[in-house]
Protein backbone atom coordinates (compact mmCIF):
# COMPACT_ATOMS: atom_id res chain seq x y z
CA MET A 1 -0.09 0.05 -0.11
CA GLY A 2 1.32 3.83 -0.10
CA TYR A 3 2.63 4.80 -3.26
CA GLN A 4 5.13 4.61 -5.92
CA LEU A 5 6.97 7.58 -7.31
CA PHE A 6 7.59 7.74 -11.66
CA GLU A 7 9.57 11.13 -12.38
CA PHE A 8 9.83 12.09 -16.05
CA GLU A 9 11.49 14.87 -17.69
CA ASN A 10 8.58 16.56 -19.16
CA LEU A 11 4.97 15.99 -19.41
CA LYS A 12 4.96 14.32 -23.08
CA ASP A 13 7.02 11.30 -21.55
CA CYS A 14 4.84 11.55 -18.43
CA HIS A 15 1.62 11.06 -20.20
CA GLN A 16 3.06 8.32 -22.80
CA ALA A 17 4.15 6.17 -19.44
CA LEU A 18 0.79 6.55 -17.87
CA THR A 19 -1.07 5.49 -21.08
CA GLU A 20 1.57 2.36 -21.27
CA ARG A 21 0.55 1.48 -17.78
CA PHE A 22 -3.17 2.32 -18.40
CA GLU A 23 -2.93 -0.01 -21.26
CA GLU A 24 -1.59 -2.82 -18.51
CA PHE A 25 -3.85 -2.14 -16.16
CA PHE A 26 -7.00 -2.38 -18.15
CA ASN A 27 -6.00 -5.48 -19.75
CA ALA A 28 -5.33 -7.38 -16.61
CA ALA A 29 -8.32 -6.10 -14.74
CA LEU A 30 -10.20 -7.19 -17.97
CA LYS A 31 -9.18 -10.72 -17.23
CA LYS A 32 -9.98 -10.72 -13.95
CA HIS A 33 -13.39 -9.01 -14.03
CA HIS A 34 -14.29 -9.41 -17.52
CA GLN A 35 -15.07 -5.79 -17.32
CA VAL A 36 -13.54 -2.62 -16.45
CA SER A 37 -14.64 0.00 -14.51
CA ILE A 38 -12.80 3.33 -14.58
CA ALA A 39 -13.12 6.96 -12.78
CA PHE A 40 -11.35 9.95 -14.23
CA SER A 41 -10.80 13.01 -12.94
CA GLY A 42 -11.43 16.41 -14.82
CA GLY A 43 -10.01 19.95 -15.17
CA ARG A 44 -7.74 21.22 -18.25
CA SER A 45 -4.56 19.21 -17.26
CA PRO A 46 -5.88 16.08 -18.21
CA ILE A 47 -7.00 16.92 -21.91
CA SER A 48 -3.94 15.51 -23.70
CA LEU A 49 -3.86 12.14 -21.53
CA LEU A 50 -7.64 11.80 -22.03
CA GLN A 51 -7.09 11.93 -26.00
CA LYS A 52 -4.19 9.50 -25.91
CA LEU A 53 -6.07 7.11 -24.13
CA SER A 54 -8.97 7.40 -26.59
CA VAL A 55 -7.26 6.19 -29.37
CA LEU A 56 -6.05 2.88 -28.08
CA ASP A 57 -6.90 -0.17 -29.26
CA LEU A 58 -8.75 -1.95 -26.12
CA LYS A 59 -11.91 -3.59 -25.72
CA TRP A 60 -13.45 -0.56 -24.98
CA HIS A 61 -17.04 -2.20 -25.08
CA ALA A 62 -16.02 -4.11 -21.53
CA CYS A 63 -15.51 -0.64 -19.94
CA LEU A 64 -17.39 1.46 -17.93
CA VAL A 65 -16.19 5.44 -17.63
CA SER A 66 -17.18 7.17 -14.78
CA LEU A 67 -16.40 10.51 -13.16
CA VAL A 68 -14.04 10.90 -9.97
CA ASP A 69 -15.73 14.32 -9.12
CA GLU A 70 -18.26 16.99 -10.92
CA ARG A 71 -19.29 20.14 -10.25
CA ILE A 72 -22.90 20.92 -9.91
CA ILE A 73 -23.83 22.46 -13.35
CA ASP A 74 -25.50 22.01 -16.62
CA THR A 75 -23.45 19.14 -18.17
CA ASN A 76 -23.34 21.28 -21.35
CA HIS A 77 -21.22 23.98 -19.56
CA ASP A 78 -17.35 24.17 -20.23
CA ASP A 79 -16.89 24.10 -16.77
CA SER A 80 -18.35 20.37 -16.72
CA ASN A 81 -16.59 17.38 -16.00
CA THR A 82 -19.24 15.45 -17.97
CA LYS A 83 -18.60 17.48 -21.07
CA LEU A 84 -14.62 17.21 -20.70
CA LEU A 85 -15.18 13.06 -20.80
CA HIS A 86 -17.22 13.37 -23.89
CA ASP A 87 -15.17 15.90 -25.70
CA TYR A 88 -11.86 14.59 -25.29
CA LEU A 89 -12.17 10.66 -23.96
CA LEU A 90 -15.13 9.32 -25.20
CA GLN A 91 -14.25 9.83 -29.21
CA ASN A 92 -12.37 7.43 -31.19
CA ASN A 93 -11.99 4.04 -30.12
CA ALA A 94 -13.05 4.99 -26.76
CA LEU A 95 -16.66 5.86 -28.02
CA LYS A 96 -17.47 2.25 -27.65
CA ALA A 97 -17.02 2.71 -23.99
CA SER A 98 -20.44 2.54 -21.48
CA PHE A 99 -20.79 6.27 -19.41
CA ILE A 100 -22.08 6.06 -15.65
CA PRO A 101 -23.11 10.23 -15.39
CA LEU A 102 -22.72 11.88 -11.81
CA LEU A 103 -25.77 13.64 -12.62
CA PRO A 104 -28.88 13.70 -14.09
CA GLU A 105 -29.64 15.24 -17.85
CA LYS A 106 -31.86 17.80 -15.97
CA ILE A 107 -29.87 19.48 -12.84
CA SER A 108 -32.19 20.59 -10.15
CA ASN A 109 -31.85 22.96 -7.48
CA ASP A 110 -32.40 20.24 -4.94
CA THR A 111 -28.66 19.13 -3.87
CA ASN A 112 -29.92 16.20 -1.98
CA ALA A 113 -32.17 14.77 -5.28
CA LEU A 114 -28.54 15.17 -6.98
CA PHE A 115 -26.70 13.27 -4.18
CA ASN A 116 -28.97 10.52 -3.94
CA PHE A 117 -28.86 9.97 -7.91
CA ALA A 118 -25.01 9.77 -7.84
CA ASN A 119 -24.88 7.13 -4.81
CA GLN A 120 -27.71 5.29 -6.31
CA HIS A 121 -26.10 5.17 -10.00
CA PHE A 122 -22.44 4.44 -8.66
CA LYS A 123 -20.26 1.90 -9.53
CA GLN A 124 -17.04 1.09 -7.95
CA PRO A 125 -14.21 1.68 -9.95
CA HIS A 126 -11.23 -0.53 -10.21
CA LEU A 127 -8.98 2.43 -10.96
CA ALA A 128 -9.55 6.07 -10.68
CA ILE A 129 -7.22 8.71 -12.39
CA LEU A 130 -6.53 11.32 -9.72
CA GLY A 131 -5.39 14.60 -10.11
CA MET A 132 -3.71 17.40 -7.45
CA GLY A 133 -4.58 21.20 -6.82
CA THR A 134 -1.68 23.61 -5.29
CA ASP A 135 -3.64 23.47 -2.10
CA GLY A 136 -3.46 19.66 -2.00
CA HIS A 137 -6.73 18.59 -2.88
CA THR A 138 -7.75 15.56 -5.23
CA ALA A 139 -11.29 14.74 -6.63
CA SER A 140 -13.29 17.77 -4.96
CA LEU A 141 -11.97 16.91 -1.31
CA PHE A 142 -10.58 20.06 -0.33
CA PRO A 143 -8.45 21.19 2.56
CA GLU A 144 -11.30 23.50 4.13
CA THR A 145 -13.75 20.38 4.18
CA SER A 146 -14.06 17.70 6.42
CA ALA A 147 -15.15 14.99 3.75
CA PHE A 148 -11.43 13.82 3.35
CA LEU A 149 -11.23 13.11 7.05
CA ASN A 150 -13.80 11.15 7.76
CA GLU A 151 -14.61 7.46 6.67
CA GLU A 152 -17.98 8.16 4.88
CA LYS A 153 -20.27 4.98 4.20
CA GLU A 154 -21.43 6.78 0.96
CA ASN A 155 -19.62 6.50 -1.98
CA ILE A 156 -20.70 10.20 -3.15
CA VAL A 157 -20.21 13.22 -1.08
CA LEU A 158 -21.49 16.56 -1.50
CA THR A 159 -18.71 19.09 -1.05
CA LYS A 160 -18.91 22.99 -0.91
CA PRO A 161 -14.80 24.27 -1.53
CA ALA A 162 -14.47 27.64 0.01
CA ASN A 163 -11.70 28.99 -2.95
CA ALA A 164 -13.21 27.38 -5.70
CA PRO A 165 -16.40 27.41 -7.51
CA TYR A 166 -19.55 25.68 -7.51
CA GLU A 167 -21.03 22.62 -4.97
CA ARG A 168 -19.37 19.07 -6.03
CA LEU A 169 -20.01 15.93 -6.43
CA SER A 170 -16.95 13.49 -5.36
CA MET A 171 -15.90 10.10 -4.70
CA SER A 172 -15.74 9.73 -1.16
CA ILE A 173 -11.84 8.77 0.92
CA ASN A 174 -13.66 5.36 1.41
CA ALA A 175 -14.92 4.97 -2.29
CA LEU A 176 -11.33 6.02 -3.74
CA GLU A 177 -9.50 3.38 -1.04
CA ASN A 178 -11.96 0.89 -2.73
CA CYS A 179 -10.20 0.82 -5.98
CA GLU A 180 -7.76 -1.55 -6.73
CA LYS A 181 -5.50 1.10 -8.20
CA LEU A 182 -5.06 5.20 -8.05
CA PHE A 183 -2.69 7.23 -10.65
CA LEU A 184 -1.82 10.37 -9.86
CA SER A 185 -0.74 12.52 -12.56
CA ILE A 186 0.81 15.87 -11.47
CA SER A 187 3.73 18.43 -12.93
CA GLY A 188 5.64 21.37 -12.13
CA VAL A 189 7.71 22.52 -9.59
CA GLN A 190 4.88 24.00 -7.19
CA LYS A 191 3.20 20.60 -7.31
CA ARG A 192 6.47 18.75 -6.44
CA GLY A 193 6.72 20.96 -3.58
CA VAL A 194 2.96 19.85 -2.22
CA LEU A 195 3.56 16.51 -2.98
CA GLU A 196 6.71 16.38 -0.83
CA LYS A 197 4.58 18.07 1.74
CA ALA A 198 2.03 15.43 1.95
CA LEU A 199 4.55 12.38 1.96
CA LYS A 200 6.27 14.31 5.38
CA GLU A 201 2.53 14.66 6.79
CA ASN A 202 1.57 12.17 9.71
CA ALA A 203 -2.00 11.83 10.56
CA PRO A 204 -4.57 13.80 11.36
CA TYR A 205 -3.72 14.98 7.76
CA SER A 206 -4.23 18.51 6.73
CA LEU A 207 -3.94 17.89 3.05
CA PRO A 208 -6.56 15.70 1.13
CA ILE A 209 -3.86 14.27 -0.99
CA ALA A 210 -1.82 12.94 1.84
CA ARG A 211 -4.68 10.95 3.42
CA ILE A 212 -4.52 9.02 -0.28
CA LEU A 213 -0.63 8.54 -0.45
CA HIS A 214 -0.99 7.03 3.51
CA SER A 215 -3.65 5.13 2.49
CA GLN A 216 -3.13 1.30 3.98
CA LYS A 217 -5.63 -0.05 1.67
CA VAL A 218 -4.63 0.96 -1.92
CA THR A 219 -1.30 1.82 -3.65
CA THR A 220 -1.24 5.14 -5.43
CA GLU A 221 1.03 5.11 -8.66
CA VAL A 222 2.47 8.89 -8.73
CA PHE A 223 3.45 10.20 -12.32
CA TYR A 224 5.32 13.54 -11.90
CA ALA A 225 6.56 15.41 -14.77
CA LYS A 226 9.10 18.13 -14.12
CA ASN A 227 8.04 20.50 -16.92
């Protein structure tokens, strides 16, 4: 358990290695389970990675694609992670995959209903691909929220970040730790500093990513690009 760190000089090499590791995990999980469930993170950083994954020659028809987290906004909004996956991952060969939404097509103002929808439709991923913010958040588990400290029974939690827009739905710590494997993709000197701080932390953790990296239940493979 814990973590493994892989370092690369640039993002291109990092994404290439992550793509190869993704393919390896996908094929092994398919042999084991006959269907692969994978959760992806949003944001702008993973776009080039998503595009590389979309053209892989895999048995995508046997893959369930879901989101690590989502902003509570219309799924056609430019800030929607649902839209991001449809635009950049669920294309080419990956178009054959099945998508499990966190949000219904029509968004209501009833956050409890949205919370219930997300948990009812949740499918435990075998793999989750994570990112990390400079504040140490991962998924939509932020330092100022208690969700990353609690052993939430729910697979999806509702979060309200203080320093980022939109209410969010996010996989809980419990759901992330129930994955067979986690991949974390980060780049740049600033995020390396946050990573080093997280690795030195002891419980109780102030950084959500530290809670993941020190997990006794799941191993996180960290892919770090210097530039």
